[in-house]
């Protein structure tokens, strides 16, 4: 059974016309590499590498990055470390001995001169550092959860965008996209930016298309 071939409304040819989902998937690849972690141990890391064209044809915006989470983990580690430092130094959770006068007797009944005890180091700053670091960690994780919830709320209608997106066709010669077999949509060739706006508006997050614009130079 032969596949239906659509012509580009700009050049009226079909040899370089390809379905948008196929172009999008062809430009994405999983790359695995070996890297050293912070402890110096080797680990396997898999990342998704995509082309500019694939990103331009994405049916929805990329999810927010969580690089700020590293700051939260660091703050939590500082909080725990300073707290344990205060505990091990005996600043907290220790029984204070009762202040009793101690008198030493030398031979012959002479009293030894009293030697003042050395004052313990002031480690109150560890408690403040631990508290502020814990507060910073909580704030960072709260921001991450809020970003995740906001993104999920904005993209809850992504299936509508993907439905329209799946009817898009890209011409590699002209660098334009058009729709086929979509009621209410004509075959007018669209720029990558205009295609993004139409698809993302269908999903309810069209405002983001104006903020995350397609680079004009994106082509094959």
Protein backbone atom coordinates (compact mmCIF):
# COMPACT_ATOMS: atom_id res chain seq x y z
CA UNK A 1 0.00 0.00 0.00
CA UNK A 2 1.54 3.26 -1.06
CA UNK A 3 1.89 6.12 1.37
CA UNK A 4 -0.04 9.30 0.70
CA UNK A 5 2.36 11.97 -0.52
CA UNK A 6 1.61 15.62 0.06
CA UNK A 7 3.10 18.43 -1.94
CA UNK A 8 4.47 21.60 -0.43
CA UNK A 9 2.16 24.58 -1.11
CA UNK A 10 5.25 26.76 -1.65
CA UNK A 11 7.28 24.77 -4.16
CA UNK A 12 4.51 22.35 -5.26
CA UNK A 13 6.88 19.37 -4.88
CA UNK A 14 6.73 16.37 -2.57
CA UNK A 15 10.24 14.91 -2.66
CA UNK A 16 11.40 16.78 0.46
CA UNK A 17 8.12 16.91 2.37
CA UNK A 18 8.10 14.96 5.64
CA UNK A 19 5.65 14.58 8.50
CA UNK A 20 6.43 16.86 11.42
CA UNK A 21 6.49 14.03 14.03
CA UNK A 22 9.05 12.17 11.91
CA UNK A 23 11.27 15.25 11.59
CA UNK A 24 10.97 15.90 15.32
CA UNK A 25 11.93 12.35 16.31
CA UNK A 26 14.74 12.13 13.74
CA UNK A 27 16.44 15.12 15.36
CA UNK A 28 16.51 13.62 18.83
CA UNK A 29 18.97 11.02 20.02
CA UNK A 30 20.10 9.54 23.33
CA UNK A 31 23.85 9.82 23.84
CA UNK A 32 25.56 7.72 26.52
CA UNK A 33 28.97 8.66 27.89
CA UNK A 34 31.24 7.85 30.81
CA UNK A 35 31.97 10.68 33.23
CA UNK A 36 33.46 11.16 36.67
CA UNK A 37 31.21 12.27 39.48
CA UNK A 38 32.12 14.60 42.35
CA UNK A 39 33.78 11.71 44.20
CA UNK A 40 36.00 10.86 41.25
CA UNK A 41 34.14 7.62 40.43
CA UNK A 42 33.20 6.76 36.87
CA UNK A 43 29.50 6.66 36.02
CA UNK A 44 27.37 6.22 32.91
CA UNK A 45 25.35 9.28 31.91
CA UNK A 46 22.64 9.31 29.24
CA UNK A 47 21.55 12.63 27.75
CA UNK A 48 19.08 13.53 25.03
CA UNK A 49 20.68 15.54 22.25
CA UNK A 50 18.41 17.34 19.82
CA UNK A 51 18.86 19.49 16.74
CA UNK A 52 17.63 23.06 16.46
CA UNK A 53 14.99 21.98 13.92
CA UNK A 54 13.67 19.29 16.26
CA UNK A 55 13.41 21.80 19.10
CA UNK A 56 11.62 24.27 16.83
CA UNK A 57 9.00 21.64 15.93
CA UNK A 58 8.36 20.52 19.52
CA UNK A 59 4.65 20.22 20.35
CA UNK A 60 5.16 21.74 23.78
CA UNK A 61 7.77 23.81 25.63
CA UNK A 62 10.63 22.08 27.35
CA UNK A 63 9.99 21.42 31.04
CA UNK A 64 11.74 23.69 33.53
CA UNK A 65 15.26 22.72 34.48
CA UNK A 66 15.99 21.77 38.06
CA UNK A 67 19.60 22.89 38.23
CA UNK A 68 18.63 24.99 41.24
CA UNK A 69 18.10 21.69 43.05
CA UNK A 70 21.88 21.38 43.37
CA UNK A 71 21.82 24.48 45.57
CA UNK A 72 19.13 22.89 47.71
CA UNK A 73 21.15 19.72 48.15
CA UNK A 74 24.25 21.75 49.02
CA UNK A 75 22.33 23.84 51.55
CA UNK A 76 20.88 20.70 53.14
CA UNK A 77 24.37 19.17 53.39
CA UNK A 78 25.72 22.34 55.05
CA UNK A 79 22.83 22.34 57.50
CA UNK A 80 23.39 18.72 58.49
CA UNK A 81 27.18 19.12 58.62
CA UNK A 82 27.14 22.17 60.88
CA UNK A 83 24.54 20.58 63.14
CA UNK A 84 26.61 17.42 63.55
CA UNK A 85 29.70 19.58 64.10
CA UNK A 86 28.01 21.27 67.03
CA UNK A 87 26.88 17.93 68.46
CA UNK A 88 30.33 16.34 68.19
CA UNK A 89 31.93 19.41 69.74
CA UNK A 90 29.66 18.96 72.75
CA UNK A 91 27.82 22.23 72.24
CA UNK A 92 24.38 20.70 72.30
CA UNK A 93 22.79 17.72 74.04
CA UNK A 94 25.27 17.47 76.90
CA UNK A 95 24.80 17.55 80.63
CA UNK A 96 26.32 20.58 82.23
CA UNK A 97 28.32 19.59 85.34
CA UNK A 98 27.42 21.36 88.56
CA UNK A 99 29.79 24.11 89.56
CA UNK A 100 31.45 22.79 92.71
CA UNK A 101 34.53 24.35 94.21
CA UNK A 102 37.52 22.08 93.97
CA UNK A 103 40.30 22.50 96.46
CA UNK A 104 43.64 20.81 96.22
CA UNK A 105 45.79 20.33 99.25
CA UNK A 106 49.52 20.34 99.07
CA UNK A 107 51.63 18.46 101.63
CA UNK A 108 51.74 20.37 104.88
CA UNK A 109 48.22 21.68 104.59
CA UNK A 110 48.96 24.38 102.05
CA UNK A 111 46.17 25.03 99.54
CA UNK A 112 47.08 24.91 95.87
CA UNK A 113 46.40 28.07 93.95
CA UNK A 114 43.22 27.90 91.90
CA UNK A 115 43.78 27.72 88.15
CA UNK A 116 40.92 29.22 86.13
CA UNK A 117 39.42 26.72 83.71
CA UNK A 118 39.78 27.50 80.03
CA UNK A 119 36.62 28.91 78.51
CA UNK A 120 35.05 26.54 75.96
CA UNK A 121 35.01 27.78 72.37
CA UNK A 122 31.91 29.69 71.37
CA UNK A 123 30.16 27.52 68.76
CA UNK A 124 26.84 29.31 68.69
CA UNK A 125 27.51 30.37 65.09
CA UNK A 126 27.19 26.72 64.01
CA UNK A 127 23.57 26.73 65.08
CA UNK A 128 22.85 29.88 63.08
CA UNK A 129 24.58 28.49 59.99
CA UNK A 130 22.65 25.24 60.28
CA UNK A 131 19.32 27.07 60.64
CA UNK A 132 19.90 29.41 57.71
CA UNK A 133 21.14 26.59 55.48
CA UNK A 134 18.08 24.50 56.34
CA UNK A 135 15.81 27.44 55.52
CA UNK A 136 17.59 27.93 52.17
CA UNK A 137 17.17 24.24 51.33
CA UNK A 138 13.45 24.36 52.12
CA UNK A 139 12.99 27.46 49.96
CA UNK A 140 14.84 25.90 47.02
CA UNK A 141 12.75 22.73 47.13
CA UNK A 142 9.57 24.80 47.45
CA UNK A 143 10.51 26.74 44.30
CA UNK A 144 11.14 23.48 42.44
CA UNK A 145 7.77 22.04 43.44
CA UNK A 146 6.03 25.26 42.44
CA UNK A 147 7.70 25.28 39.01
CA UNK A 148 6.73 21.65 38.46
CA UNK A 149 3.11 22.28 39.45
CA UNK A 150 2.90 25.39 37.26
CA UNK A 151 4.28 23.56 34.23
CA UNK A 152 1.87 20.66 34.73
CA UNK A 153 -1.05 23.07 34.98
CA UNK A 154 -0.04 24.98 31.82
CA UNK A 155 0.41 21.82 29.73
CA UNK A 156 -2.61 19.85 30.93
CA UNK A 157 -4.18 20.27 27.46
CA UNK A 158 -1.10 19.19 25.54
CA UNK A 159 -3.05 16.39 23.83
CA UNK A 160 -4.97 19.04 21.88
CA UNK A 161 -1.70 20.53 20.68
CA UNK A 162 -0.30 17.12 19.76
CA UNK A 163 -3.41 16.31 17.75
CA UNK A 164 -2.95 19.38 15.55
CA UNK A 165 0.84 18.95 15.54
CA UNK A 166 0.53 15.41 14.14
CA UNK A 167 -1.12 16.81 10.97
CA UNK A 168 1.80 19.12 10.19
CA UNK A 169 4.12 18.58 7.24
CA UNK A 170 7.57 20.12 6.89
CA UNK A 171 9.26 20.96 3.60
CA UNK A 172 13.02 20.64 3.87
CA UNK A 173 13.47 22.69 0.70
CA UNK A 174 11.38 25.70 1.75
CA UNK A 175 11.77 25.45 5.52
CA UNK A 176 8.02 25.90 6.03
CA UNK A 177 5.25 23.86 7.59
CA UNK A 178 1.66 23.36 6.49
CA UNK A 179 -1.33 21.36 7.73
CA UNK A 180 -3.11 18.60 5.87
CA UNK A 181 -6.59 17.16 6.53
CA UNK A 182 -7.38 19.48 9.44
CA UNK A 183 -10.91 20.91 9.48
CA UNK A 184 -10.77 24.69 9.67
CA UNK A 185 -7.07 24.84 8.74
CA UNK A 186 -5.89 25.72 5.25
CA UNK A 187 -2.64 24.67 3.56
CA UNK A 188 -0.97 28.05 3.91
CA UNK A 189 2.79 27.58 4.43
CA UNK A 190 3.84 28.69 7.91
CA UNK A 191 7.18 29.71 9.29
CA UNK A 192 8.53 27.63 12.15
CA UNK A 193 7.61 30.38 14.61
CA UNK A 194 4.08 30.69 13.29
CA UNK A 195 3.66 26.91 13.35
CA UNK A 196 4.77 26.86 16.98
CA UNK A 197 2.29 29.59 17.85
CA UNK A 198 -0.62 27.75 16.19
CA UNK A 199 0.19 24.44 17.86
CA UNK A 200 0.92 25.83 21.32
CA UNK A 201 -2.21 28.01 21.21
CA UNK A 202 -4.17 24.82 20.60
CA UNK A 203 -2.68 23.39 23.79
CA UNK A 204 -3.50 26.45 25.88
CA UNK A 205 0.07 27.68 26.33
CA UNK A 206 0.36 29.98 23.32
CA UNK A 207 1.76 32.81 25.47
CA UNK A 208 4.94 30.79 25.90
CA UNK A 209 5.48 30.75 22.13
CA UNK A 210 6.10 34.49 22.22
CA UNK A 211 8.60 34.10 25.06
CA UNK A 212 10.43 31.12 23.55
CA UNK A 213 10.78 32.16 19.96
CA UNK A 214 12.28 30.01 17.23
CA UNK A 215 15.64 31.14 15.95
CA UNK A 216 15.15 32.44 12.42
CA UNK A 217 18.22 30.64 11.11
CA UNK A 218 16.99 27.18 12.12
CA UNK A 219 17.03 24.88 9.09
CA UNK A 220 18.28 21.41 8.21
